[in-house]
Amino acid sequence: MRSWRYGRAHASVENAESEIATANITAANLIGSMACSALRCKARTAVQCAYVDRRERRCQTAWCPEDRHVVHDRVYCTIHAHTIDGIEHDYGSEVHPDVDNRSVA
């Protein structure tokens, strides 16, 4: 099982998302300034996981271009990428399990 470090975003999520939209940058080539949460990765080009649970809590991990998963043009950690991909297909975007639930949907 992979482990990761928890990072904190320095800028607000809304501000970052509006900058991405105006610059027409895709999540696959987005470069951030956070430390990557992947085990043994020393990259400082990570972007925070975009997952928000049903209680409006964000995933506190960040992922560099080599370790990130992109679903619907948003950056996610491994667990939340599988969660979004599996749940939204069957249930839509309204159902998101708690951020600390580590079972893959």
N, C-alpha and C. Protein backbone atom coordinates (compact mmCIF):
# COMPACT_ATOMS: atom_id res chain seq x y z
N MET A 1 0.83 -1.18 0.00
CA MET A 1 0.00 0.00 0.00
C MET A 1 0.88 1.24 0.00
N ARG A 2 0.54 2.20 -0.81
CA ARG A 2 1.32 3.42 -0.88
C ARG A 2 1.00 4.33 0.30
N SER A 3 1.99 5.06 0.71
CA SER A 3 1.81 6.05 1.77
C SER A 3 2.04 7.43 1.18
N TRP A 4 1.55 8.45 1.86
CA TRP A 4 1.77 9.81 1.38
C TRP A 4 1.84 10.78 2.52
N ARG A 5 2.43 11.91 2.20
CA ARG A 5 2.53 13.01 3.16
C ARG A 5 1.35 13.93 2.93
N TYR A 6 0.94 14.61 3.97
CA TYR A 6 -0.16 15.56 3.85
C TYR A 6 0.40 16.96 3.67
N GLY A 7 -0.08 17.67 2.66
CA GLY A 7 0.36 19.03 2.39
C GLY A 7 -0.78 20.00 2.62
N ARG A 8 -0.48 21.24 2.59
CA ARG A 8 -1.49 22.29 2.75
C ARG A 8 -1.40 23.22 1.55
N ALA A 9 -2.53 23.60 1.02
CA ALA A 9 -2.55 24.55 -0.09
C ALA A 9 -2.31 25.95 0.44
N HIS A 10 -1.54 26.73 -0.29
CA HIS A 10 -1.26 28.10 0.14
C HIS A 10 -2.27 29.09 -0.42
N ALA A 11 -2.85 28.78 -1.55
CA ALA A 11 -3.83 29.68 -2.17
C ALA A 11 -5.21 29.06 -2.03
N SER A 12 -6.23 29.89 -2.16
CA SER A 12 -7.58 29.36 -2.05
C SER A 12 -7.91 28.52 -3.28
N VAL A 13 -8.78 27.55 -3.11
CA VAL A 13 -9.16 26.64 -4.18
C VAL A 13 -9.87 27.40 -5.29
N GLU A 14 -10.76 28.29 -4.95
CA GLU A 14 -11.51 29.03 -5.95
C GLU A 14 -10.57 29.89 -6.79
N ASN A 15 -9.60 30.50 -6.15
CA ASN A 15 -8.64 31.34 -6.85
C ASN A 15 -7.83 30.51 -7.84
N ALA A 16 -7.36 29.36 -7.40
CA ALA A 16 -6.55 28.50 -8.26
C ALA A 16 -7.37 27.98 -9.43
N GLU A 17 -8.63 27.57 -9.18
CA GLU A 17 -9.47 27.05 -10.26
C GLU A 17 -9.80 28.13 -11.28
N SER A 18 -9.99 29.37 -10.86
CA SER A 18 -10.28 30.43 -11.81
C SER A 18 -9.05 30.75 -12.65
N GLU A 19 -7.86 30.67 -12.06
CA GLU A 19 -6.64 30.90 -12.82
C GLU A 19 -6.43 29.81 -13.87
N ILE A 20 -6.75 28.57 -13.51
CA ILE A 20 -6.63 27.46 -14.44
C ILE A 20 -7.60 27.65 -15.60
N ALA A 21 -8.82 28.05 -15.32
CA ALA A 21 -9.82 28.23 -16.36
C ALA A 21 -9.45 29.34 -17.32
N THR A 22 -8.92 30.44 -16.81
CA THR A 22 -8.57 31.56 -17.68
C THR A 22 -7.33 31.27 -18.52
N ALA A 23 -6.42 30.46 -18.02
CA ALA A 23 -5.20 30.15 -18.75
C ALA A 23 -5.37 28.95 -19.69
N ASN A 24 -6.52 28.28 -19.62
CA ASN A 24 -6.82 27.11 -20.45
C ASN A 24 -5.76 26.02 -20.27
N ILE A 25 -5.40 25.75 -19.03
CA ILE A 25 -4.43 24.73 -18.70
C ILE A 25 -5.18 23.47 -18.29
N THR A 26 -4.75 22.32 -18.78
CA THR A 26 -5.39 21.07 -18.39
C THR A 26 -4.69 20.52 -17.14
N ALA A 27 -5.40 19.68 -16.40
CA ALA A 27 -4.85 19.11 -15.17
C ALA A 27 -3.66 18.21 -15.46
N ALA A 28 -3.60 17.62 -16.63
CA ALA A 28 -2.50 16.73 -16.96
C ALA A 28 -1.16 17.46 -17.02
N ASN A 29 -1.15 18.73 -17.41
CA ASN A 29 0.11 19.47 -17.50
C ASN A 29 0.22 20.59 -16.47
N LEU A 30 -0.64 20.62 -15.48
CA LEU A 30 -0.62 21.64 -14.44
C LEU A 30 0.58 21.44 -13.52
N ILE A 31 1.32 22.51 -13.26
CA ILE A 31 2.48 22.46 -12.36
C ILE A 31 2.16 23.31 -11.13
N GLY A 32 2.31 22.71 -9.96
CA GLY A 32 2.06 23.41 -8.71
C GLY A 32 3.34 23.73 -7.99
N SER A 33 3.24 24.11 -6.72
CA SER A 33 4.42 24.47 -5.94
C SER A 33 4.47 23.74 -4.60
N MET A 34 3.67 22.70 -4.46
CA MET A 34 3.63 21.95 -3.21
C MET A 34 4.53 20.72 -3.30
N ALA A 35 4.88 20.15 -2.15
CA ALA A 35 5.64 18.90 -2.12
C ALA A 35 4.71 17.74 -2.46
N CYS A 36 5.19 16.82 -3.26
CA CYS A 36 4.38 15.67 -3.66
C CYS A 36 4.18 14.74 -2.46
N SER A 37 2.98 14.18 -2.34
CA SER A 37 2.64 13.29 -1.22
C SER A 37 3.04 11.85 -1.46
N ALA A 38 3.50 11.52 -2.65
CA ALA A 38 3.90 10.13 -2.94
C ALA A 38 5.14 9.77 -2.15
N LEU A 39 5.18 8.54 -1.70
CA LEU A 39 6.32 8.04 -0.93
C LEU A 39 7.58 8.08 -1.78
N ARG A 40 8.64 8.60 -1.26
CA ARG A 40 9.95 8.73 -1.89
C ARG A 40 10.00 9.69 -3.07
N CYS A 41 8.99 10.49 -3.27
CA CYS A 41 9.01 11.49 -4.34
C CYS A 41 9.45 12.83 -3.75
N LYS A 42 10.43 13.44 -4.35
CA LYS A 42 10.98 14.69 -3.84
C LYS A 42 10.54 15.90 -4.67
N ALA A 43 9.61 15.69 -5.59
CA ALA A 43 9.16 16.78 -6.48
C ALA A 43 8.44 17.86 -5.69
N ARG A 44 8.63 19.10 -6.10
CA ARG A 44 7.95 20.24 -5.49
C ARG A 44 7.06 20.91 -6.53
N THR A 45 6.45 20.09 -7.38
CA THR A 45 5.59 20.59 -8.46
C THR A 45 4.18 20.02 -8.33
N ALA A 46 3.77 19.72 -7.11
CA ALA A 46 2.50 19.04 -6.88
C ALA A 46 1.33 20.02 -6.78
N VAL A 47 0.14 19.48 -7.08
CA VAL A 47 -1.12 20.20 -6.98
C VAL A 47 -2.00 19.41 -6.01
N GLN A 48 -2.77 20.10 -5.18
CA GLN A 48 -3.61 19.43 -4.19
C GLN A 48 -4.69 18.60 -4.85
N CYS A 49 -4.99 17.46 -4.23
CA CYS A 49 -6.08 16.59 -4.69
C CYS A 49 -7.39 17.39 -4.67
N ALA A 50 -8.18 17.26 -5.70
CA ALA A 50 -9.41 18.05 -5.87
C ALA A 50 -10.62 17.44 -5.18
N TYR A 51 -10.45 16.32 -4.49
CA TYR A 51 -11.59 15.64 -3.88
C TYR A 51 -12.17 16.43 -2.71
N VAL A 52 -13.49 16.59 -2.71
CA VAL A 52 -14.23 17.21 -1.61
C VAL A 52 -15.35 16.25 -1.23
N ASP A 53 -15.43 15.90 0.05
CA ASP A 53 -16.43 14.92 0.46
C ASP A 53 -17.79 15.57 0.70
N ARG A 54 -18.74 14.77 1.15
CA ARG A 54 -20.12 15.26 1.34
C ARG A 54 -20.23 16.27 2.47
N ARG A 55 -19.21 16.36 3.32
CA ARG A 55 -19.20 17.33 4.42
C ARG A 55 -18.34 18.55 4.09
N GLU A 56 -17.98 18.71 2.81
CA GLU A 56 -17.19 19.83 2.32
C GLU A 56 -15.75 19.83 2.85
N ARG A 57 -15.21 18.66 3.18
CA ARG A 57 -13.81 18.54 3.61
C ARG A 57 -12.97 18.14 2.41
N ARG A 58 -11.80 18.75 2.27
CA ARG A 58 -10.90 18.47 1.15
C ARG A 58 -9.86 17.42 1.52
N CYS A 59 -9.43 16.66 0.53
CA CYS A 59 -8.29 15.77 0.70
C CYS A 59 -7.05 16.64 0.82
N GLN A 60 -6.19 16.35 1.78
CA GLN A 60 -5.04 17.21 2.07
C GLN A 60 -3.75 16.72 1.41
N THR A 61 -3.84 15.83 0.42
CA THR A 61 -2.64 15.37 -0.27
C THR A 61 -2.40 16.21 -1.51
N ALA A 62 -1.16 16.18 -2.01
CA ALA A 62 -0.80 16.90 -3.24
C ALA A 62 0.03 15.96 -4.12
N TRP A 63 -0.12 16.11 -5.44
CA TRP A 63 0.48 15.15 -6.36
C TRP A 63 1.18 15.83 -7.52
N CYS A 64 2.39 15.36 -7.82
CA CYS A 64 3.18 15.90 -8.93
C CYS A 64 2.68 15.28 -10.24
N PRO A 65 3.12 15.79 -11.38
CA PRO A 65 2.65 15.25 -12.66
C PRO A 65 2.93 13.76 -12.86
N GLU A 66 3.98 13.23 -12.26
CA GLU A 66 4.31 11.82 -12.43
C GLU A 66 3.42 10.91 -11.57
N ASP A 67 2.92 11.38 -10.45
CA ASP A 67 2.18 10.54 -9.52
C ASP A 67 0.68 10.82 -9.48
N ARG A 68 0.21 11.84 -10.15
CA ARG A 68 -1.21 12.21 -10.07
C ARG A 68 -2.08 11.35 -10.97
N HIS A 69 -3.35 11.36 -10.65
CA HIS A 69 -4.38 10.73 -11.48
C HIS A 69 -5.34 11.84 -11.90
N VAL A 70 -5.66 11.89 -13.17
CA VAL A 70 -6.55 12.92 -13.69
C VAL A 70 -7.86 12.27 -14.11
N VAL A 71 -8.96 12.74 -13.51
CA VAL A 71 -10.30 12.27 -13.85
C VAL A 71 -11.15 13.50 -14.11
N HIS A 72 -11.79 13.55 -15.27
CA HIS A 72 -12.63 14.69 -15.66
C HIS A 72 -11.84 16.00 -15.57
N ASP A 73 -10.57 15.96 -15.99
CA ASP A 73 -9.67 17.11 -16.02
C ASP A 73 -9.45 17.74 -14.64
N ARG A 74 -9.40 16.91 -13.60
CA ARG A 74 -9.08 17.36 -12.25
C ARG A 74 -8.07 16.40 -11.64
N VAL A 75 -7.18 16.90 -10.80
CA VAL A 75 -6.12 16.10 -10.19
C VAL A 75 -6.65 15.44 -8.93
N TYR A 76 -6.42 14.12 -8.80
CA TYR A 76 -6.84 13.36 -7.62
C TYR A 76 -5.72 12.43 -7.17
N CYS A 77 -5.77 12.04 -5.90
CA CYS A 77 -4.90 10.98 -5.41
C CYS A 77 -5.46 9.65 -5.92
N THR A 78 -4.74 8.57 -5.72
CA THR A 78 -5.15 7.27 -6.25
C THR A 78 -6.52 6.85 -5.74
N ILE A 79 -6.73 6.92 -4.44
CA ILE A 79 -7.99 6.47 -3.84
C ILE A 79 -9.17 7.30 -4.34
N HIS A 80 -9.01 8.62 -4.33
CA HIS A 80 -10.13 9.47 -4.72
C HIS A 80 -10.37 9.47 -6.23
N ALA A 81 -9.35 9.20 -7.02
CA ALA A 81 -9.56 9.07 -8.47
C ALA A 81 -10.45 7.87 -8.75
N HIS A 82 -10.19 6.76 -8.07
CA HIS A 82 -11.04 5.57 -8.24
C HIS A 82 -12.43 5.81 -7.68
N THR A 83 -12.52 6.54 -6.59
CA THR A 83 -13.82 6.85 -5.99
C THR A 83 -14.66 7.69 -6.94
N ILE A 84 -14.08 8.76 -7.47
CA ILE A 84 -14.81 9.64 -8.39
C ILE A 84 -15.21 8.88 -9.65
N ASP A 85 -14.28 8.13 -10.20
CA ASP A 85 -14.55 7.40 -11.43
C ASP A 85 -15.65 6.36 -11.24
N GLY A 86 -15.64 5.66 -10.11
CA GLY A 86 -16.64 4.63 -9.86
C GLY A 86 -17.99 5.16 -9.44
N ILE A 87 -18.01 6.11 -8.53
CA ILE A 87 -19.27 6.61 -7.98
C ILE A 87 -20.02 7.49 -8.96
N GLU A 88 -19.32 8.41 -9.63
CA GLU A 88 -20.02 9.31 -10.55
C GLU A 88 -20.63 8.56 -11.72
N HIS A 89 -20.05 7.44 -12.08
CA HIS A 89 -20.63 6.64 -13.17
C HIS A 89 -21.99 6.09 -12.77
N ASP A 90 -22.12 5.64 -11.53
CA ASP A 90 -23.37 5.02 -11.07
C ASP A 90 -24.33 5.98 -10.37
N TYR A 91 -23.78 6.93 -9.60
CA TYR A 91 -24.63 7.75 -8.73
C TYR A 91 -24.64 9.24 -9.05
N GLY A 92 -23.79 9.69 -9.94
CA GLY A 92 -23.72 11.12 -10.22
C GLY A 92 -22.73 11.80 -9.30
N SER A 93 -22.65 13.11 -9.36
CA SER A 93 -21.64 13.84 -8.60
C SER A 93 -22.10 14.25 -7.21
N GLU A 94 -23.31 13.88 -6.80
CA GLU A 94 -23.81 14.30 -5.49
C GLU A 94 -23.30 13.44 -4.35
N VAL A 95 -22.91 12.21 -4.60
CA VAL A 95 -22.52 11.28 -3.54
C VAL A 95 -21.00 11.19 -3.48
N HIS A 96 -20.42 11.68 -2.39
CA HIS A 96 -18.98 11.56 -2.17
C HIS A 96 -18.74 11.08 -0.75
N PRO A 97 -18.12 9.90 -0.58
CA PRO A 97 -17.84 9.39 0.77
C PRO A 97 -16.90 10.32 1.54
N ASP A 98 -16.84 10.12 2.84
CA ASP A 98 -15.98 10.93 3.69
C ASP A 98 -14.53 10.86 3.23
N VAL A 99 -13.80 11.94 3.40
CA VAL A 99 -12.43 12.03 2.93
C VAL A 99 -11.52 11.04 3.66
N ASP A 100 -11.84 10.68 4.89
CA ASP A 100 -11.00 9.72 5.63
C ASP A 100 -11.41 8.26 5.41
N ASN A 101 -12.39 8.01 4.57
CA ASN A 101 -12.79 6.65 4.21
C ASN A 101 -11.82 6.13 3.17
N ARG A 102 -11.00 5.16 3.52
CA ARG A 102 -9.94 4.67 2.63
C ARG A 102 -10.34 3.47 1.79
N SER A 103 -11.60 3.07 1.84
CA SER A 103 -12.04 1.97 0.99
C SER A 103 -12.34 2.51 -0.41
N VAL A 104 -11.86 1.81 -1.41
CA VAL A 104 -12.07 2.23 -2.78
C VAL A 104 -13.49 1.88 -3.19
N ALA A 105 -14.15 2.85 -3.82
CA ALA A 105 -15.54 2.64 -4.23
C ALA A 105 -15.63 1.61 -5.34
